[in-house]
Amino acid sequence: MGGEPKVTVHGDAVFQRREWRVERGAWALAAVLIALALLGLFGAGPLSWTGAGSPDGLVHAEYERFTRERGPTTLEVRIAPEAAQQGRIRLGVSQDYLEAFMVQSITPQPSTVVGGTDTLVYEFEVDRPDTPLTVTFNLQGEQMWLHQGELGVEGSAPVRFRQFVYP
């Protein structure tokens, strides 16, 4: 009698093939998520940065499509020199957007800030009337999920944009 006991293994070929398909699908999904992360879906990268402009070209905004709650982000607004009136540019930003983000700093500093019901208006002195004004808002996401912003200057159609804040 000696020897080792024989073990019979029953295989289920159909189940095994199904399991392999699921595993290959999971690997493909992981590869897609890694590629999207590298392209900027979850932070900095080419997919993350985008821009929006007014139809008349007076205002153009560049921003990150995706940002993190409590993480820093930048909203850069370029305003054409034609938007200046009496040596000043008045830039309105929607209150709804500003409630979702904490303004850390604004460069250049506005000379005045006037609050309205739907819009906060930043007024900037124009030093060089023949060059565009670039205003940089350094922000921090305060509320998660999708936020819509609107900004513009007097006499121009507003620029509308969306930003997603991850938890």
C-alpha atoms as a PDB file:
ATOM      1  CA  MET A   1       0.000   0.000   0.000  1.00  0.00           C
ATOM      2  CA  GLY A   2       2.399   2.786   0.303  1.00  0.00           C
ATOM      3  CA  GLY A   3       2.477   5.874  -1.693  1.00  0.00           C
ATOM      4  CA  GLU A   4       0.587   9.030  -1.581  1.00  0.00           C
ATOM      5  CA  PRO A   5      -3.159   9.258  -1.831  1.00  0.00           C
ATOM      6  CA  LYS A   6      -4.475  10.273  -5.191  1.00  0.00           C
ATOM      7  CA  VAL A   7      -6.334  13.558  -5.339  1.00  0.00           C
ATOM      8  CA  THR A   8      -8.889  14.107  -8.005  1.00  0.00           C
ATOM      9  CA  VAL A   9      -9.310  17.699  -9.134  1.00  0.00           C
ATOM     10  CA  HIS A  10     -12.444  18.558 -11.003  1.00  0.00           C
ATOM     11  CA  GLY A  11     -11.989  21.513 -13.339  1.00  0.00           C
ATOM     12  CA  ASP A  12     -14.667  23.746 -14.699  1.00  0.00           C
ATOM     13  CA  ALA A  13     -13.370  24.970 -18.042  1.00  0.00           C
ATOM     14  CA  VAL A  14     -16.318  27.312 -18.675  1.00  0.00           C
ATOM     15  CA  PHE A  15     -15.885  29.009 -15.290  1.00  0.00           C
ATOM     16  CA  GLN A  16     -12.122  29.271 -15.815  1.00  0.00           C
ATOM     17  CA  ARG A  17     -12.525  30.995 -19.210  1.00  0.00           C
ATOM     18  CA  ARG A  18     -15.095  33.405 -17.740  1.00  0.00           C
ATOM     19  CA  GLU A  19     -12.743  34.214 -14.858  1.00  0.00           C
ATOM     20  CA  TRP A  20      -9.886  34.898 -17.285  1.00  0.00           C
ATOM     21  CA  ARG A  21     -12.109  37.277 -19.312  1.00  0.00           C
ATOM     22  CA  VAL A  22     -13.059  39.182 -16.171  1.00  0.00           C
ATOM     23  CA  GLU A  23      -9.411  39.378 -15.131  1.00  0.00           C
ATOM     24  CA  ARG A  24      -8.339  40.699 -18.562  1.00  0.00           C
ATOM     25  CA  GLY A  25     -11.151  43.271 -18.402  1.00  0.00           C
ATOM     26  CA  ALA A  26      -9.975  44.420 -14.968  1.00  0.00           C
ATOM     27  CA  TRP A  27      -6.400  44.778 -16.253  1.00  0.00           C
ATOM     28  CA  ALA A  28      -7.639  46.799 -19.239  1.00  0.00           C
ATOM     29  CA  LEU A  29      -9.700  49.058 -16.963  1.00  0.00           C
ATOM     30  CA  ALA A  30      -6.687  49.590 -14.691  1.00  0.00           C
ATOM     31  CA  ALA A  31      -4.536  50.491 -17.719  1.00  0.00           C
ATOM     32  CA  VAL A  32      -7.142  53.013 -18.946  1.00  0.00           C
ATOM     33  CA  LEU A  33      -7.390  54.626 -15.493  1.00  0.00           C
ATOM     34  CA  ILE A  34      -3.594  54.901 -15.241  1.00  0.00           C
ATOM     35  CA  ALA A  35      -3.412  56.486 -18.712  1.00  0.00           C
ATOM     36  CA  LEU A  36      -6.170  58.980 -17.839  1.00  0.00           C
ATOM     37  CA  ALA A  37      -4.425  59.843 -14.571  1.00  0.00           C
ATOM     38  CA  LEU A  38      -1.172  60.503 -16.439  1.00  0.00           C
ATOM     39  CA  LEU A  39      -3.052  62.731 -18.895  1.00  0.00           C
ATOM     40  CA  GLY A  40      -4.520  64.802 -16.072  1.00  0.00           C
ATOM     41  CA  LEU A  41      -7.945  63.420 -15.224  1.00  0.00           C
ATOM     42  CA  PHE A  42      -7.138  63.438 -11.501  1.00  0.00           C
ATOM     43  CA  GLY A  43      -4.792  66.444 -11.362  1.00  0.00           C
ATOM     44  CA  ALA A  44      -2.221  68.296 -13.435  1.00  0.00           C
ATOM     45  CA  GLY A  45      -1.808  67.191 -17.041  1.00  0.00           C
ATOM     46  CA  PRO A  46      -2.873  67.955 -20.611  1.00  0.00           C
ATOM     47  CA  LEU A  47      -6.490  66.849 -20.029  1.00  0.00           C
ATOM     48  CA  SER A  48      -6.780  69.013 -16.942  1.00  0.00           C
ATOM     49  CA  TRP A  49      -6.133  72.489 -18.395  1.00  0.00           C
ATOM     50  CA  THR A  50      -8.686  74.081 -20.677  1.00  0.00           C
ATOM     51  CA  GLY A  51      -9.944  77.489 -21.687  1.00  0.00           C
ATOM     52  CA  ALA A  52     -13.099  79.379 -22.537  1.00  0.00           C
ATOM     53  CA  GLY A  53     -13.622  82.741 -24.173  1.00  0.00           C
ATOM     54  CA  SER A  54     -16.279  85.272 -24.978  1.00  0.00           C
ATOM     55  CA  PRO A  55     -17.592  85.235 -28.568  1.00  0.00           C
ATOM     56  CA  ASP A  56     -16.205  88.724 -29.239  1.00  0.00           C
ATOM     57  CA  GLY A  57     -12.745  87.745 -27.967  1.00  0.00           C
ATOM     58  CA  LEU A  58     -12.576  90.384 -25.229  1.00  0.00           C
ATOM     59  CA  VAL A  59     -12.256  87.884 -22.360  1.00  0.00           C
ATOM     60  CA  HIS A  60     -10.511  84.506 -22.229  1.00  0.00           C
ATOM     61  CA  ALA A  61     -10.171  82.281 -19.152  1.00  0.00           C
ATOM     62  CA  GLU A  62      -7.801  79.356 -18.601  1.00  0.00           C
ATOM     63  CA  TYR A  63      -8.395  76.973 -15.723  1.00  0.00           C
ATOM     64  CA  GLU A  64      -8.076  73.393 -14.521  1.00  0.00           C
ATOM     65  CA  ARG A  65     -11.065  71.233 -15.414  1.00  0.00           C
ATOM     66  CA  PHE A  66     -10.361  68.948 -12.465  1.00  0.00           C
ATOM     67  CA  THR A  67      -9.084  70.013  -9.056  1.00  0.00           C
ATOM     68  CA  ARG A  68      -9.164  68.724  -5.498  1.00  0.00           C
ATOM     69  CA  GLU A  69     -11.065  69.946  -2.473  1.00  0.00           C
ATOM     70  CA  ARG A  70      -8.718  72.042  -0.309  1.00  0.00           C
ATOM     71  CA  GLY A  71      -6.156  71.900  -3.125  1.00  0.00           C
ATOM     72  CA  PRO A  72      -4.740  74.953  -4.909  1.00  0.00           C
ATOM     73  CA  THR A  73      -5.896  75.876  -8.388  1.00  0.00           C
ATOM     74  CA  THR A  74      -5.513  78.860 -10.703  1.00  0.00           C
ATOM     75  CA  LEU A  75      -7.994  80.789 -12.822  1.00  0.00           C
ATOM     76  CA  GLU A  76      -6.204  83.019 -15.327  1.00  0.00           C
ATOM     77  CA  VAL A  77      -8.265  85.658 -17.134  1.00  0.00           C
ATOM     78  CA  ARG A  78      -6.934  87.630 -20.124  1.00  0.00           C
ATOM     79  CA  ILE A  79      -8.844  90.769 -20.994  1.00  0.00           C
ATOM     80  CA  ALA A  80      -8.342  92.608 -24.297  1.00  0.00           C
ATOM     81  CA  PRO A  81      -7.352  96.303 -24.122  1.00  0.00           C
ATOM     82  CA  GLU A  82     -10.619  97.249 -25.878  1.00  0.00           C
ATOM     83  CA  ALA A  83     -12.492  96.309 -22.674  1.00  0.00           C
ATOM     84  CA  ALA A  84     -10.980  99.266 -20.799  1.00  0.00           C
ATOM     85  CA  GLN A  85     -13.241 102.215 -20.087  1.00  0.00           C
ATOM     86  CA  GLN A  86     -11.718 105.418 -18.721  1.00  0.00           C
ATOM     87  CA  GLY A  87      -8.485 103.640 -17.800  1.00  0.00           C
ATOM     88  CA  ARG A  88     -10.254 100.867 -15.866  1.00  0.00           C
ATOM     89  CA  ILE A  89     -11.410  97.331 -16.472  1.00  0.00           C
ATOM     90  CA  ARG A  90     -14.341  95.966 -14.486  1.00  0.00           C
ATOM     91  CA  LEU A  91     -14.334  92.159 -14.312  1.00  0.00           C
ATOM     92  CA  GLY A  92     -17.434  90.456 -12.914  1.00  0.00           C
ATOM     93  CA  VAL A  93     -17.244  86.945 -11.449  1.00  0.00           C
ATOM     94  CA  SER A  94     -20.348  84.963 -10.455  1.00  0.00           C
ATOM     95  CA  GLN A  95     -21.023  84.678  -6.726  1.00  0.00           C
ATOM     96  CA  ASP A  96     -22.041  81.011  -7.103  1.00  0.00           C
ATOM     97  CA  TYR A  97     -18.571  80.162  -8.374  1.00  0.00           C
ATOM     98  CA  LEU A  98     -16.809  82.190  -5.687  1.00  0.00           C
ATOM     99  CA  GLU A  99     -18.811  80.432  -2.966  1.00  0.00           C
ATOM    100  CA  ALA A 100     -17.295  77.111  -4.074  1.00  0.00           C
ATOM    101  CA  PHE A 101     -13.697  78.424  -4.038  1.00  0.00           C
ATOM    102  CA  MET A 102     -11.735  80.456  -1.507  1.00  0.00           C
ATOM    103  CA  VAL A 103      -9.763  83.266  -3.159  1.00  0.00           C
ATOM    104  CA  GLN A 104      -6.195  83.057  -1.829  1.00  0.00           C
ATOM    105  CA  SER A 105      -4.811  85.944  -3.882  1.00  0.00           C
ATOM    106  CA  ILE A 106      -5.455  88.036  -6.990  1.00  0.00           C
ATOM    107  CA  THR A 107      -2.666  89.357  -9.202  1.00  0.00           C
ATOM    108  CA  PRO A 108      -2.674  92.244  -9.935  1.00  0.00           C
ATOM    109  CA  GLN A 109      -4.597  93.487  -6.927  1.00  0.00           C
ATOM    110  CA  PRO A 110      -7.917  95.097  -7.871  1.00  0.00           C
ATOM    111  CA  SER A 111      -8.302  98.769  -6.981  1.00  0.00           C
ATOM    112  CA  THR A 112     -11.869  98.146  -5.782  1.00  0.00           C
ATOM    113  CA  VAL A 113     -14.216  95.208  -5.264  1.00  0.00           C
ATOM    114  CA  VAL A 114     -17.976  95.714  -5.379  1.00  0.00           C
ATOM    115  CA  GLY A 115     -20.437  93.001  -4.395  1.00  0.00           C
ATOM    116  CA  GLY A 116     -23.771  92.510  -6.077  1.00  0.00           C
ATOM    117  CA  THR A 117     -26.499  89.922  -5.733  1.00  0.00           C
ATOM    118  CA  ASP A 118     -25.170  87.549  -8.396  1.00  0.00           C
ATOM    119  CA  THR A 119     -21.756  88.985  -9.269  1.00  0.00           C
ATOM    120  CA  LEU A 120     -18.657  90.277  -7.533  1.00  0.00           C
ATOM    121  CA  VAL A 121     -17.042  93.041  -9.622  1.00  0.00           C
ATOM    122  CA  TYR A 122     -13.268  93.546  -9.495  1.00  0.00           C
ATOM    123  CA  GLU A 123     -12.023  96.867 -10.859  1.00  0.00           C
ATOM    124  CA  PHE A 124      -8.464  97.133 -12.168  1.00  0.00           C
ATOM    125  CA  GLU A 125      -6.471 100.215 -13.144  1.00  0.00           C
ATOM    126  CA  VAL A 126      -4.996  99.893 -16.636  1.00  0.00           C
ATOM    127  CA  ASP A 127      -1.349 101.000 -16.759  1.00  0.00           C
ATOM    128  CA  ARG A 128      -0.739 100.168 -20.416  1.00  0.00           C
ATOM    129  CA  PRO A 129      -3.887 100.759 -22.484  1.00  0.00           C
ATOM    130  CA  ASP A 130      -2.498  98.951 -25.560  1.00  0.00           C
ATOM    131  CA  THR A 131      -1.739  95.571 -23.928  1.00  0.00           C
ATOM    132  CA  PRO A 132      -4.107  92.899 -22.585  1.00  0.00           C
ATOM    133  CA  LEU A 133      -4.611  92.657 -18.838  1.00  0.00           C
ATOM    134  CA  THR A 134      -3.964  89.238 -17.303  1.00  0.00           C
ATOM    135  CA  VAL A 135      -5.617  88.633 -13.947  1.00  0.00           C
ATOM    136  CA  THR A 136      -4.621  85.542 -11.968  1.00  0.00           C
ATOM    137  CA  PHE A 137      -6.901  84.194  -9.263  1.00  0.00           C
ATOM    138  CA  ASN A 138      -5.174  81.739  -6.928  1.00  0.00           C
ATOM    139  CA  LEU A 139      -7.996  79.661  -5.486  1.00  0.00           C
ATOM    140  CA  GLN A 140      -8.652  76.757  -3.164  1.00  0.00           C
ATOM    141  CA  GLY A 141     -11.569  74.392  -3.711  1.00  0.00           C
ATOM    142  CA  GLU A 142     -14.019  74.573  -0.807  1.00  0.00           C
ATOM    143  CA  GLN A 143     -16.949  72.519  -2.090  1.00  0.00           C
ATOM    144  CA  MET A 144     -16.883  69.201  -3.927  1.00  0.00           C
ATOM    145  CA  TRP A 145     -18.435  68.234  -7.264  1.00  0.00           C
ATOM    146  CA  LEU A 146     -19.272  70.202 -10.391  1.00  0.00           C
ATOM    147  CA  HIS A 147     -19.274  74.006 -10.259  1.00  0.00           C
ATOM    148  CA  GLN A 148     -20.256  76.428 -12.990  1.00  0.00           C
ATOM    149  CA  GLY A 149     -18.596  79.790 -13.245  1.00  0.00           C
ATOM    150  CA  GLU A 150     -19.369  82.893 -15.222  1.00  0.00           C
ATOM    151  CA  LEU A 151     -17.194  85.944 -15.706  1.00  0.00           C
ATOM    152  CA  GLY A 152     -17.049  88.895 -18.033  1.00  0.00           C
ATOM    153  CA  VAL A 153     -16.606  92.596 -18.618  1.00  0.00           C
ATOM    154  CA  GLU A 154     -19.246  95.226 -19.273  1.00  0.00           C
ATOM    155  CA  GLY A 155     -20.475  95.241 -22.855  1.00  0.00           C
ATOM    156  CA  SER A 156     -19.334  91.688 -23.613  1.00  0.00           C
ATOM    157  CA  ALA A 157     -21.043  88.313 -23.495  1.00  0.00           C
ATOM    158  CA  PRO A 158     -20.054  86.362 -20.358  1.00  0.00           C
ATOM    159  CA  VAL A 159     -17.600  83.478 -20.368  1.00  0.00           C
ATOM    160  CA  ARG A 160     -19.151  80.319 -18.931  1.00  0.00           C
ATOM    161  CA  PHE A 161     -17.063  77.417 -17.680  1.00  0.00           C
ATOM    162  CA  ARG A 162     -17.253  74.315 -15.482  1.00  0.00           C
ATOM    163  CA  GLN A 163     -14.855  72.925 -12.927  1.00  0.00           C
ATOM    164  CA  PHE A 164     -15.025  69.595 -11.120  1.00  0.00           C
ATOM    165  CA  VAL A 165     -13.706  69.388  -7.553  1.00  0.00           C
ATOM    166  CA  TYR A 166     -12.710  65.915  -6.366  1.00  0.00           C
ATOM    167  CA  PRO A 167     -12.973  64.988  -2.669  1.00  0.00           C
END
